[in-house]
Amino acid sequence: MERTDFGKTGLKITRLGLGLAEISRQERSKTVAEADRVLNAALDGGINFLDTAACYGRTEEIIGETVAHRRDEYILATKCGHTTDDGDRGIPWTEHESWTGPAVSESIDRSLRRLRTDHLDLVQLHSCNIDILENSEVIDALVQAREAGKTRFIGYSGDNAAARWAVESGLFETLQTSFNLVEQHARTKGLFKLAEAKGMGVIIKRPIANGAWGKAHSPYSYADEYFRRAQIMAQMGPLPEAPDDPILLALGFVLAQPEVDTIIVGTHNPSHLSSNIEMVTRDLPIAAETVEALHRRFEEVDDGWVQLT
């Protein structure tokens, strides 16, 4: 699979990464064995970027149980701050307590234990607001973890004004933000250009927009706005040179953005994973005419939409 420079980190990252939130959503009804198959299939298929978070249920522990022995094969990213409990000690965190320097430090230490590794490649602050970012003790805790060798790099994961603050601050080495064919504000409002100017690695979440293109209804209430926008843009007529597969269309659109280093697509289904790997390695790029048409449509119908997280 194609690899690219991950900003100025010196890391080489695959254009397709694996998001692990789906494992947390399935863990009560699915077994660790299924997660084992997906994670090992991703590594066998050439993916070298795994993205998880402290608040994704037992996902960190499952990664540690299943692929810790292959640690030198993947770039490991997690997120801290936005967590609800300490599974090791059974101590509840309040939302306020989560965004303190000690809470961030403990979250990183807990992630290291759960993931069964002596270092993380990337720790990201997880969707906090500007007030938290301006709280120096939170960022100081990240910097101290980097200086101690607990993580190689630090980043921010989020959207809108907080993402811009994080990029402009110069404090972070990577940005994870939302971008897809129905959510293009990172492009239209200049966030990508700012991140590129800072030499930041760029990770895209929600790249397939929850499968909104070509479907009439959302199976998830939090994705309703994606589906509403998709219907508006699709009603403008056929896209020139567009692939028939809406997932390929979505993947190709995001990976056509020059500032994007990697996209994280989550799945608990090995066949879906295999299909994603095949499309990224065999069927890209999609036509420039298709990408340009999606740019024009979004800009034409955007009447003050906010960046969706």
C-alpha atoms as a PDB file:
ATOM      1  CA  MET A   1       0.000   0.000   0.000  1.00  0.00           C
ATOM      2  CA  GLU A   2       1.189   3.511  -0.793  1.00  0.00           C
ATOM      3  CA  ARG A   3       2.855   5.372   2.061  1.00  0.00           C
ATOM      4  CA  THR A   4       3.420   9.090   2.380  1.00  0.00           C
ATOM      5  CA  ASP A   5       5.310  11.469   4.637  1.00  0.00           C
ATOM      6  CA  PHE A   6       3.355  12.140   7.813  1.00  0.00           C
ATOM      7  CA  GLY A   7       3.942  15.871   7.973  1.00  0.00           C
ATOM      8  CA  LYS A   8       7.356  16.641   9.425  1.00  0.00           C
ATOM      9  CA  THR A   9       7.313  13.696  11.851  1.00  0.00           C
ATOM     10  CA  GLY A  10       9.644  11.622   9.687  1.00  0.00           C
ATOM     11  CA  LEU A  11       7.143   8.755   9.761  1.00  0.00           C
ATOM     12  CA  LYS A  12       5.892   7.058   6.596  1.00  0.00           C
ATOM     13  CA  ILE A  13       2.175   6.439   6.890  1.00  0.00           C
ATOM     14  CA  THR A  14      -0.250   4.449   4.733  1.00  0.00           C
ATOM     15  CA  ARG A  15      -2.963   6.473   3.004  1.00  0.00           C
ATOM     16  CA  LEU A  16      -5.545   4.132   4.551  1.00  0.00           C
ATOM     17  CA  GLY A  17      -5.558   3.749   8.325  1.00  0.00           C
ATOM     18  CA  LEU A  18      -7.812   1.777  10.633  1.00  0.00           C
ATOM     19  CA  GLY A  19     -10.097   3.576  13.092  1.00  0.00           C
ATOM     20  CA  LEU A  20     -10.920   1.465  16.124  1.00  0.00           C
ATOM     21  CA  ALA A  21     -14.132   3.081  17.394  1.00  0.00           C
ATOM     22  CA  GLU A  22     -16.151   0.350  15.663  1.00  0.00           C
ATOM     23  CA  ILE A  23     -14.561  -2.297  17.872  1.00  0.00           C
ATOM     24  CA  SER A  24     -15.828  -0.505  20.971  1.00  0.00           C
ATOM     25  CA  ARG A  25     -19.345  -0.393  19.542  1.00  0.00           C
ATOM     26  CA  GLN A  26     -19.324  -4.128  18.889  1.00  0.00           C
ATOM     27  CA  GLU A  27     -17.535  -5.462  21.936  1.00  0.00           C
ATOM     28  CA  ARG A  28     -20.613  -6.493  23.896  1.00  0.00           C
ATOM     29  CA  SER A  29     -21.986  -8.698  21.162  1.00  0.00           C
ATOM     30  CA  LYS A  30     -18.783  -9.688  19.352  1.00  0.00           C
ATOM     31  CA  THR A  31     -15.723 -11.493  20.556  1.00  0.00           C
ATOM     32  CA  VAL A  32     -12.106 -10.497  20.877  1.00  0.00           C
ATOM     33  CA  ALA A  33     -11.471 -13.151  18.241  1.00  0.00           C
ATOM     34  CA  GLU A  34     -13.319 -11.056  15.643  1.00  0.00           C
ATOM     35  CA  ALA A  35     -11.297  -7.975  16.533  1.00  0.00           C
ATOM     36  CA  ASP A  36      -8.197 -10.148  16.292  1.00  0.00           C
ATOM     37  CA  ARG A  37      -9.112 -11.079  12.711  1.00  0.00           C
ATOM     38  CA  VAL A  38      -9.742  -7.462  11.682  1.00  0.00           C
ATOM     39  CA  LEU A  39      -6.588  -6.058  13.265  1.00  0.00           C
ATOM     40  CA  ASN A  40      -4.300  -8.742  11.910  1.00  0.00           C
ATOM     41  CA  ALA A  41      -5.959  -8.565   8.487  1.00  0.00           C
ATOM     42  CA  ALA A  42      -5.320  -4.815   8.428  1.00  0.00           C
ATOM     43  CA  LEU A  43      -1.630  -5.324   9.154  1.00  0.00           C
ATOM     44  CA  ASP A  44      -1.398  -8.213   6.696  1.00  0.00           C
ATOM     45  CA  GLY A  45      -3.064  -5.995   4.074  1.00  0.00           C
ATOM     46  CA  GLY A  46      -0.392  -3.327   4.430  1.00  0.00           C
ATOM     47  CA  ILE A  47      -2.099  -0.820   6.747  1.00  0.00           C
ATOM     48  CA  ASN A  48       0.383   0.635   9.220  1.00  0.00           C
ATOM     49  CA  PHE A  49      -1.721   3.201  11.120  1.00  0.00           C
ATOM     50  CA  LEU A  50      -4.042   2.272  14.013  1.00  0.00           C
ATOM     51  CA  ASP A  51      -6.086   5.032  15.649  1.00  0.00           C
ATOM     52  CA  THR A  52      -7.855   4.476  18.963  1.00  0.00           C
ATOM     53  CA  ALA A  53      -8.824   6.453  22.074  1.00  0.00           C
ATOM     54  CA  ALA A  54      -8.975   6.054  25.831  1.00  0.00           C
ATOM     55  CA  CYS A  55     -12.768   6.434  25.726  1.00  0.00           C
ATOM     56  CA  TYR A  56     -13.395   3.667  23.158  1.00  0.00           C
ATOM     57  CA  GLY A  57     -14.482   1.099  25.714  1.00  0.00           C
ATOM     58  CA  ARG A  58     -12.040  -1.815  25.966  1.00  0.00           C
ATOM     59  CA  THR A  59     -10.533  -1.133  22.556  1.00  0.00           C
ATOM     60  CA  GLU A  60      -7.053  -0.306  23.820  1.00  0.00           C
ATOM     61  CA  GLU A  61      -6.987  -3.529  25.814  1.00  0.00           C
ATOM     62  CA  ILE A  62      -8.138  -5.523  22.796  1.00  0.00           C
ATOM     63  CA  ILE A  63      -5.345  -4.048  20.669  1.00  0.00           C
ATOM     64  CA  GLY A  64      -2.882  -5.030  23.374  1.00  0.00           C
ATOM     65  CA  GLU A  65      -4.265  -8.555  23.526  1.00  0.00           C
ATOM     66  CA  THR A  66      -4.270  -9.143  19.782  1.00  0.00           C
ATOM     67  CA  VAL A  67      -1.441  -7.286  18.017  1.00  0.00           C
ATOM     68  CA  ALA A  68       1.008  -6.094  20.676  1.00  0.00           C
ATOM     69  CA  HIS A  69       3.412  -8.778  19.416  1.00  0.00           C
ATOM     70  CA  ARG A  70       3.455  -6.967  16.035  1.00  0.00           C
ATOM     71  CA  ARG A  71       4.181  -3.548  17.563  1.00  0.00           C
ATOM     72  CA  ASP A  72       7.031  -2.723  15.178  1.00  0.00           C
ATOM     73  CA  GLU A  73       4.670  -3.043  12.184  1.00  0.00           C
ATOM     74  CA  TYR A  74       2.327  -0.144  12.958  1.00  0.00           C
ATOM     75  CA  ILE A  75       2.135   3.491  13.955  1.00  0.00           C
ATOM     76  CA  LEU A  76       0.020   3.585  17.108  1.00  0.00           C
ATOM     77  CA  ALA A  77      -2.135   6.623  17.892  1.00  0.00           C
ATOM     78  CA  THR A  78      -4.485   7.140  20.803  1.00  0.00           C
ATOM     79  CA  LYS A  79      -6.389  10.066  22.305  1.00  0.00           C
ATOM     80  CA  CYS A  80      -6.582  11.376  25.838  1.00  0.00           C
ATOM     81  CA  GLY A  81      -8.670  13.690  27.963  1.00  0.00           C
ATOM     82  CA  HIS A  82     -12.127  12.773  26.726  1.00  0.00           C
ATOM     83  CA  THR A  83     -12.630   9.728  28.910  1.00  0.00           C
ATOM     84  CA  THR A  84     -15.240   8.671  31.456  1.00  0.00           C
ATOM     85  CA  ASP A  85     -13.614   6.159  33.777  1.00  0.00           C
ATOM     86  CA  ASP A  86     -10.391   4.518  34.863  1.00  0.00           C
ATOM     87  CA  GLY A  87     -10.942   0.873  34.027  1.00  0.00           C
ATOM     88  CA  ASP A  88      -7.815  -0.165  35.904  1.00  0.00           C
ATOM     89  CA  ARG A  89      -8.917   1.279  39.238  1.00  0.00           C
ATOM     90  CA  GLY A  90     -12.670   1.760  38.870  1.00  0.00           C
ATOM     91  CA  ILE A  91     -12.413   5.474  39.662  1.00  0.00           C
ATOM     92  CA  PRO A  92     -14.983   7.658  37.862  1.00  0.00           C
ATOM     93  CA  TRP A  93     -13.840  10.861  36.201  1.00  0.00           C
ATOM     94  CA  THR A  94     -16.085  13.858  35.809  1.00  0.00           C
ATOM     95  CA  GLU A  95     -15.903  15.790  32.542  1.00  0.00           C
ATOM     96  CA  HIS A  96     -14.123  18.621  34.360  1.00  0.00           C
ATOM     97  CA  GLU A  97     -11.584  16.288  35.964  1.00  0.00           C
ATOM     98  CA  SER A  98     -10.786  14.696  32.605  1.00  0.00           C
ATOM     99  CA  TRP A  99      -9.318  17.956  31.307  1.00  0.00           C
ATOM    100  CA  THR A 100      -6.564  18.493  33.844  1.00  0.00           C
ATOM    101  CA  GLY A 101      -2.844  17.890  33.593  1.00  0.00           C
ATOM    102  CA  PRO A 102      -2.900  14.952  36.060  1.00  0.00           C
ATOM    103  CA  ALA A 103      -5.863  13.360  34.270  1.00  0.00           C
ATOM    104  CA  VAL A 104      -4.099  13.601  30.900  1.00  0.00           C
ATOM    105  CA  SER A 105      -0.903  12.113  32.358  1.00  0.00           C
ATOM    106  CA  GLU A 106      -2.812   9.244  33.966  1.00  0.00           C
ATOM    107  CA  SER A 107      -4.737   8.627  30.745  1.00  0.00           C
ATOM    108  CA  ILE A 108      -1.464   8.252  28.824  1.00  0.00           C
ATOM    109  CA  ASP A 109      -0.009   5.877  31.430  1.00  0.00           C
ATOM    110  CA  ARG A 110      -3.212   3.842  31.369  1.00  0.00           C
ATOM    111  CA  SER A 111      -3.108   3.645  27.565  1.00  0.00           C
ATOM    112  CA  LEU A 112       0.463   2.340  27.673  1.00  0.00           C
ATOM    113  CA  ARG A 113      -0.594  -0.420  30.072  1.00  0.00           C
ATOM    114  CA  ARG A 114      -3.685  -1.349  28.113  1.00  0.00           C
ATOM    115  CA  LEU A 115      -1.911  -1.331  24.751  1.00  0.00           C
ATOM    116  CA  ARG A 116       1.007  -3.348  26.176  1.00  0.00           C
ATOM    117  CA  THR A 117       3.647  -1.071  24.749  1.00  0.00           C
ATOM    118  CA  ASP A 118       6.468   1.039  26.146  1.00  0.00           C
ATOM    119  CA  HIS A 119       5.724   3.990  23.858  1.00  0.00           C
ATOM    120  CA  LEU A 120       2.987   5.546  21.758  1.00  0.00           C
ATOM    121  CA  ASP A 121       3.716   7.088  18.383  1.00  0.00           C
ATOM    122  CA  LEU A 122       1.043   9.758  18.746  1.00  0.00           C
ATOM    123  CA  VAL A 123      -1.132  11.057  21.592  1.00  0.00           C
ATOM    124  CA  GLN A 124      -3.930  13.440  20.602  1.00  0.00           C
ATOM    125  CA  LEU A 125      -6.078  15.717  22.736  1.00  0.00           C
ATOM    126  CA  HIS A 126      -9.577  14.467  22.054  1.00  0.00           C
ATOM    127  CA  SER A 127     -12.134  17.003  20.799  1.00  0.00           C
ATOM    128  CA  CYS A 128     -11.725  19.555  23.581  1.00  0.00           C
ATOM    129  CA  ASN A 129     -12.728  23.194  23.267  1.00  0.00           C
ATOM    130  CA  ILE A 130     -10.569  26.309  23.165  1.00  0.00           C
ATOM    131  CA  ASP A 131     -10.914  26.885  26.910  1.00  0.00           C
ATOM    132  CA  ILE A 132      -9.198  23.540  27.502  1.00  0.00           C
ATOM    133  CA  LEU A 133      -6.535  24.232  24.895  1.00  0.00           C
ATOM    134  CA  GLU A 134      -5.743  27.510  26.631  1.00  0.00           C
ATOM    135  CA  ASN A 135      -5.284  25.629  29.900  1.00  0.00           C
ATOM    136  CA  SER A 136      -1.505  25.251  29.781  1.00  0.00           C
ATOM    137  CA  GLU A 137      -1.351  22.353  32.235  1.00  0.00           C
ATOM    138  CA  VAL A 138      -3.146  20.071  29.774  1.00  0.00           C
ATOM    139  CA  ILE A 139      -0.717  20.759  26.945  1.00  0.00           C
ATOM    140  CA  ASP A 140       2.194  20.734  29.417  1.00  0.00           C
ATOM    141  CA  ALA A 141       1.220  17.181  30.379  1.00  0.00           C
ATOM    142  CA  LEU A 142       1.395  16.157  26.716  1.00  0.00           C
ATOM    143  CA  VAL A 143       4.777  17.804  26.264  1.00  0.00           C
ATOM    144  CA  GLN A 144       6.098  16.120  29.418  1.00  0.00           C
ATOM    145  CA  ALA A 145       4.925  12.734  28.122  1.00  0.00           C
ATOM    146  CA  ARG A 146       6.782  13.367  24.870  1.00  0.00           C
ATOM    147  CA  GLU A 147       9.919  14.422  26.720  1.00  0.00           C
ATOM    148  CA  ALA A 148       9.712  11.273  28.858  1.00  0.00           C
ATOM    149  CA  GLY A 149       9.537   9.076  25.745  1.00  0.00           C
ATOM    150  CA  LYS A 150       5.996   7.912  26.429  1.00  0.00           C
ATOM    151  CA  THR A 151       4.917   9.283  23.043  1.00  0.00           C
ATOM    152  CA  ARG A 152       6.928  10.338  20.036  1.00  0.00           C
ATOM    153  CA  PHE A 153       4.518  13.055  18.872  1.00  0.00           C
ATOM    154  CA  ILE A 154       1.514  15.020  20.122  1.00  0.00           C
ATOM    155  CA  GLY A 155      -1.551  16.109  18.177  1.00  0.00           C
ATOM    156  CA  TYR A 156      -5.045  17.519  18.313  1.00  0.00           C
ATOM    157  CA  SER A 157      -8.228  15.758  17.193  1.00  0.00           C
ATOM    158  CA  GLY A 158     -11.211  18.007  16.599  1.00  0.00           C
ATOM    159  CA  ASP A 159     -13.002  20.526  14.416  1.00  0.00           C
ATOM    160  CA  ASN A 160     -14.094  24.121  13.946  1.00  0.00           C
ATOM    161  CA  ALA A 161     -12.568  26.955  16.018  1.00  0.00           C
ATOM    162  CA  ALA A 162     -10.669  24.614  18.353  1.00  0.00           C
ATOM    163  CA  ALA A 163      -8.962  22.898  15.427  1.00  0.00           C
ATOM    164  CA  ARG A 164      -7.890  26.246  14.015  1.00  0.00           C
ATOM    165  CA  TRP A 165      -6.552  27.301  17.427  1.00  0.00           C
ATOM    166  CA  ALA A 166      -4.581  24.055  17.691  1.00  0.00           C
ATOM    167  CA  VAL A 167      -3.061  24.506  14.230  1.00  0.00           C
ATOM    168  CA  GLU A 168      -2.232  28.188  14.662  1.00  0.00           C
ATOM    169  CA  SER A 169      -0.666  27.581  18.091  1.00  0.00           C
ATOM    170  CA  GLY A 170       2.252  25.648  16.624  1.00  0.00           C
ATOM    171  CA  LEU A 171       2.155  23.342  19.662  1.00  0.00           C
ATOM    172  CA  PHE A 172       0.992  20.207  17.880  1.00  0.00           C
ATOM    173  CA  GLU A 173       2.634  18.022  15.264  1.00  0.00           C
ATOM    174  CA  THR A 174      -0.537  16.469  13.827  1.00  0.00           C
ATOM    175  CA  LEU A 175      -4.176  17.345  13.213  1.00  0.00           C
ATOM    176  CA  GLN A 176      -7.093  14.944  13.015  1.00  0.00           C
ATOM    177  CA  THR A 177     -10.253  16.538  11.662  1.00  0.00           C
ATOM    178  CA  SER A 178     -13.476  15.740   9.796  1.00  0.00           C
ATOM    179  CA  PHE A 179     -13.522  15.933   6.016  1.00  0.00           C
ATOM    180  CA  ASN A 180     -15.614  14.200   3.373  1.00  0.00           C
ATOM    181  CA  LEU A 181     -17.648  14.895   0.270  1.00  0.00           C
ATOM    182  CA  VAL A 182     -20.468  16.507   2.299  1.00  0.00           C
ATOM    183  CA  GLU A 183     -18.217  18.165   4.922  1.00  0.00           C
ATOM    184  CA  GLN A 184     -15.543  20.225   3.203  1.00  0.00           C
ATOM    185  CA  HIS A 185     -14.978  23.125   5.574  1.00  0.00           C
ATOM    186  CA  ALA A 186     -11.394  22.095   6.379  1.00  0.00           C
ATOM    187  CA  ARG A 187     -10.725  22.875   2.700  1.00  0.00           C
ATOM    188  CA  THR A 188     -13.021  25.847   2.101  1.00  0.00           C
ATOM    189  CA  LYS A 189     -12.070  27.685   5.310  1.00  0.00           C
ATOM    190  CA  GLY A 190      -8.342  27.210   4.885  1.00  0.00           C
ATOM    191  CA  LEU A 191      -7.635  24.792   7.739  1.00  0.00           C
ATOM    192  CA  PHE A 192      -5.722  22.402   5.478  1.00  0.00           C
ATOM    193  CA  LYS A 193      -3.504  25.178   4.132  1.00  0.00           C
ATOM    194  CA  LEU A 194      -2.699  26.341   7.647  1.00  0.00           C
ATOM    195  CA  ALA A 195      -1.791  22.806   8.732  1.00  0.00           C
ATOM    196  CA  GLU A 196       0.372  22.342   5.658  1.00  0.00           C
ATOM    197  CA  ALA A 197       2.201  25.599   6.356  1.00  0.00           C
ATOM    198  CA  LYS A 198       2.968  24.340   9.870  1.00  0.00           C
ATOM    199  CA  GLY A 199       4.258  21.011   8.524  1.00  0.00           C
ATOM    200  CA  MET A 200       1.595  19.064  10.401  1.00  0.00           C
ATOM    201  CA  GLY A 201       0.591  15.508   9.618  1.00  0.00           C
ATOM    202  CA  VAL A 202      -3.108  15.431   8.643  1.00  0.00           C
ATOM    203  CA  ILE A 203      -5.450  12.570   9.598  1.00  0.00           C
ATOM    204  CA  ILE A 204      -9.041  12.518   8.349  1.00  0.00           C
ATOM    205  CA  LYS A 205     -11.905  11.097  10.380  1.00  0.00           C
ATOM    206  CA  ARG A 206     -15.372  10.409   8.938  1.00  0.00           C
ATOM    207  CA  PRO A 207     -13.978  10.089   5.367  1.00  0.00           C
ATOM    208  CA  ILE A 208     -16.949   8.108   4.040  1.00  0.00           C
ATOM    209  CA  ALA A 209     -19.514  10.355   5.777  1.00  0.00           C
ATOM    210  CA  ASN A 210     -21.145   7.334   7.429  1.00  0.00           C
ATOM    211  CA  GLY A 211     -22.029   6.017   3.974  1.00  0.00           C
ATOM    212  CA  ALA A 212     -24.384   8.938   3.328  1.00  0.00           C
ATOM    213  CA  TRP A 213     -23.882   9.245  -0.438  1.00  0.00           C
ATOM    214  CA  GLY A 214     -26.433   7.254  -2.410  1.00  0.00           C
ATOM    215  CA  LYS A 215     -28.615   6.375   0.592  1.00  0.00           C
ATOM    216  CA  ALA A 216     -31.919   7.870   1.594  1.00  0.00           C
ATOM    217  CA  HIS A 217     -31.783   7.503   5.366  1.00  0.00           C
ATOM    218  CA  SER A 218     -29.209   7.410   8.140  1.00  0.00           C
ATOM    219  CA  PRO A 219     -29.028   4.384  10.455  1.00  0.00           C
ATOM    220  CA  TYR A 220     -27.467   6.668  13.075  1.00  0.00           C
ATOM    221  CA  SER A 221     -29.124   9.839  14.364  1.00  0.00           C
ATOM    222  CA  TYR A 222     -25.756  11.582  14.746  1.00  0.00           C
ATOM    223  CA  ALA A 223     -25.222  11.238  10.983  1.00  0.00           C
ATOM    224  CA  ASP A 224     -28.589  12.687   9.926  1.00  0.00           C
ATOM    225  CA  GLU A 225     -27.022  15.953   8.778  1.00  0.00           C
ATOM    226  CA  TYR A 226     -24.569  14.100   6.530  1.00  0.00           C
ATOM    227  CA  PHE A 227     -27.474  12.356   4.823  1.00  0.00           C
ATOM    228  CA  ARG A 228     -29.440  15.600   4.471  1.00  0.00           C
ATOM    229  CA  ARG A 229     -26.488  17.291   2.779  1.00  0.00           C
ATOM    230  CA  ALA A 230     -25.846  14.278   0.556  1.00  0.00           C
ATOM    231  CA  GLN A 231     -29.407  14.377  -0.740  1.00  0.00           C
ATOM    232  CA  ILE A 232     -29.153  18.094  -1.505  1.00  0.00           C
ATOM    233  CA  MET A 233     -25.906  17.642  -3.424  1.00  0.00           C
ATOM    234  CA  ALA A 234     -27.059  14.478  -5.237  1.00  0.00           C
ATOM    235  CA  GLN A 235     -30.211  16.213  -6.485  1.00  0.00           C
ATOM    236  CA  MET A 236     -28.011  18.473  -8.593  1.00  0.00           C
ATOM    237  CA  GLY A 237     -27.603  15.666 -11.110  1.00  0.00           C
ATOM    238  CA  PRO A 238     -25.129  12.909 -11.997  1.00  0.00           C
ATOM    239  CA  LEU A 239     -21.479  13.510 -11.159  1.00  0.00           C
ATOM    240  CA  PRO A 240     -19.177  13.472 -14.190  1.00  0.00           C
ATOM    241  CA  GLU A 241     -16.928  10.394 -14.428  1.00  0.00           C
ATOM    242  CA  ALA A 242     -18.001   9.235 -10.949  1.00  0.00           C
ATOM    243  CA  PRO A 243     -17.409   5.589  -9.965  1.00  0.00           C
ATOM    244  CA  ASP A 244     -20.529   3.511  -9.368  1.00  0.00           C
ATOM    245  CA  ASP A 245     -19.445   2.502  -5.885  1.00  0.00           C
ATOM    246  CA  PRO A 246     -20.310   5.316  -3.393  1.00  0.00           C
ATOM    247  CA  ILE A 247     -17.614   4.142  -0.959  1.00  0.00           C
ATOM    248  CA  LEU A 248     -14.971   4.366  -3.675  1.00  0.00           C
ATOM    249  CA  LEU A 249     -16.316   7.823  -4.550  1.00  0.00           C
ATOM    250  CA  ALA A 250     -15.993   8.919  -0.911  1.00  0.00           C
ATOM    251  CA  LEU A 251     -12.507   7.476  -0.414  1.00  0.00           C
ATOM    252  CA  GLY A 252     -11.264   8.860  -3.705  1.00  0.00           C
ATOM    253  CA  PHE A 253     -12.609  12.320  -2.979  1.00  0.00           C
ATOM    254  CA  VAL A 254     -10.841  12.630   0.384  1.00  0.00           C
ATOM    255  CA  LEU A 255      -7.553  11.157  -0.818  1.00  0.00           C
ATOM    256  CA  ALA A 256      -7.536  13.616  -3.737  1.00  0.00           C
ATOM    257  CA  GLN A 257      -7.023  16.432  -1.196  1.00  0.00           C
ATOM    258  CA  PRO A 258      -3.268  17.085  -1.380  1.00  0.00           C
ATOM    259  CA  GLU A 259      -2.798  17.975   2.305  1.00  0.00           C
ATOM    260  CA  VAL A 260      -4.336  14.704   3.531  1.00  0.00           C
ATOM    261  CA  ASP A 261      -1.827  12.114   4.711  1.00  0.00           C
ATOM    262  CA  THR A 262      -4.115   9.333   5.893  1.00  0.00           C
ATOM    263  CA  ILE A 263      -7.790   8.527   6.377  1.00  0.00           C
ATOM    264  CA  ILE A 264      -9.153   6.357   9.168  1.00  0.00           C
ATOM    265  CA  VAL A 265     -11.998   4.052   8.253  1.00  0.00           C
ATOM    266  CA  GLY A 266     -13.494   1.898  10.972  1.00  0.00           C
ATOM    267  CA  THR A 267     -15.042  -1.530  10.546  1.00  0.00           C
ATOM    268  CA  HIS A 268     -15.532  -4.733  12.471  1.00  0.00           C
ATOM    269  CA  ASN A 269     -16.206  -6.660   9.249  1.00  0.00           C
ATOM    270  CA  PRO A 270     -13.154  -8.337   7.643  1.00  0.00           C
ATOM    271  CA  SER A 271     -14.771  -8.334   4.191  1.00  0.00           C
ATOM    272  CA  HIS A 272     -15.418  -4.582   4.367  1.00  0.00           C
ATOM    273  CA  LEU A 273     -11.823  -4.074   5.408  1.00  0.00           C
ATOM    274  CA  SER A 274     -10.591  -6.172   2.490  1.00  0.00           C
ATOM    275  CA  SER A 275     -12.767  -4.171   0.092  1.00  0.00           C
ATOM    276  CA  ASN A 276     -11.434  -0.861   1.420  1.00  0.00           C
ATOM    277  CA  ILE A 277      -7.835  -2.019   1.037  1.00  0.00           C
ATOM    278  CA  GLU A 278      -8.501  -3.205  -2.506  1.00  0.00           C
ATOM    279  CA  MET A 279     -10.136   0.066  -3.546  1.00  0.00           C
ATOM    280  CA  VAL A 280      -7.332   2.220  -2.139  1.00  0.00           C
ATOM    281  CA  THR A 281      -4.592   0.102  -3.688  1.00  0.00           C
ATOM    282  CA  ARG A 282      -6.242  -0.661  -7.050  1.00  0.00           C
ATOM    283  CA  ASP A 283      -8.982   1.820  -7.980  1.00  0.00           C
ATOM    284  CA  LEU A 284      -7.608   5.266  -7.148  1.00  0.00           C
ATOM    285  CA  PRO A 285      -7.395   8.042  -8.082  1.00  0.00           C
ATOM    286  CA  ILE A 286     -10.911   8.917  -9.159  1.00  0.00           C
ATOM    287  CA  ALA A 287     -11.381  11.439 -11.973  1.00  0.00           C
ATOM    288  CA  ALA A 288     -10.400  15.043 -11.299  1.00  0.00           C
ATOM    289  CA  GLU A 289     -13.694  16.116 -12.920  1.00  0.00           C
ATOM    290  CA  THR A 290     -15.594  14.251 -10.201  1.00  0.00           C
ATOM    291  CA  VAL A 291     -13.635  15.882  -7.404  1.00  0.00           C
ATOM    292  CA  GLU A 292     -14.050  19.350  -8.909  1.00  0.00           C
ATOM    293  CA  ALA A 293     -17.803  18.829  -9.306  1.00  0.00           C
ATOM    294  CA  LEU A 294     -18.125  17.882  -5.630  1.00  0.00           C
ATOM    295  CA  HIS A 295     -16.136  20.980  -4.691  1.00  0.00           C
ATOM    296  CA  ARG A 296     -18.472  23.205  -6.706  1.00  0.00           C
ATOM    297  CA  ARG A 297     -21.629  21.600  -5.357  1.00  0.00           C
ATOM    298  CA  PHE A 298     -20.598  21.926  -1.736  1.00  0.00           C
ATOM    299  CA  GLU A 299     -19.618  25.558  -2.176  1.00  0.00           C
ATOM    300  CA  GLU A 300     -22.883  26.307  -3.980  1.00  0.00           C
ATOM    301  CA  VAL A 301     -25.220  24.831  -1.363  1.00  0.00           C
ATOM    302  CA  ASP A 302     -23.246  25.635   1.804  1.00  0.00           C
ATOM    303  CA  ASP A 303     -25.434  28.277   3.442  1.00  0.00           C
ATOM    304  CA  GLY A 304     -23.598  28.566   6.722  1.00  0.00           C
ATOM    305  CA  TRP A 305     -23.279  24.894   7.599  1.00  0.00           C
ATOM    306  CA  VAL A 306     -20.995  24.250  10.553  1.00  0.00           C
ATOM    307  CA  GLN A 307     -18.178  21.720  10.376  1.00  0.00           C
ATOM    308  CA  LEU A 308     -19.634  18.434  11.554  1.00  0.00           C
ATOM    309  CA  THR A 309     -17.615  16.460  14.079  1.00  0.00           C
END
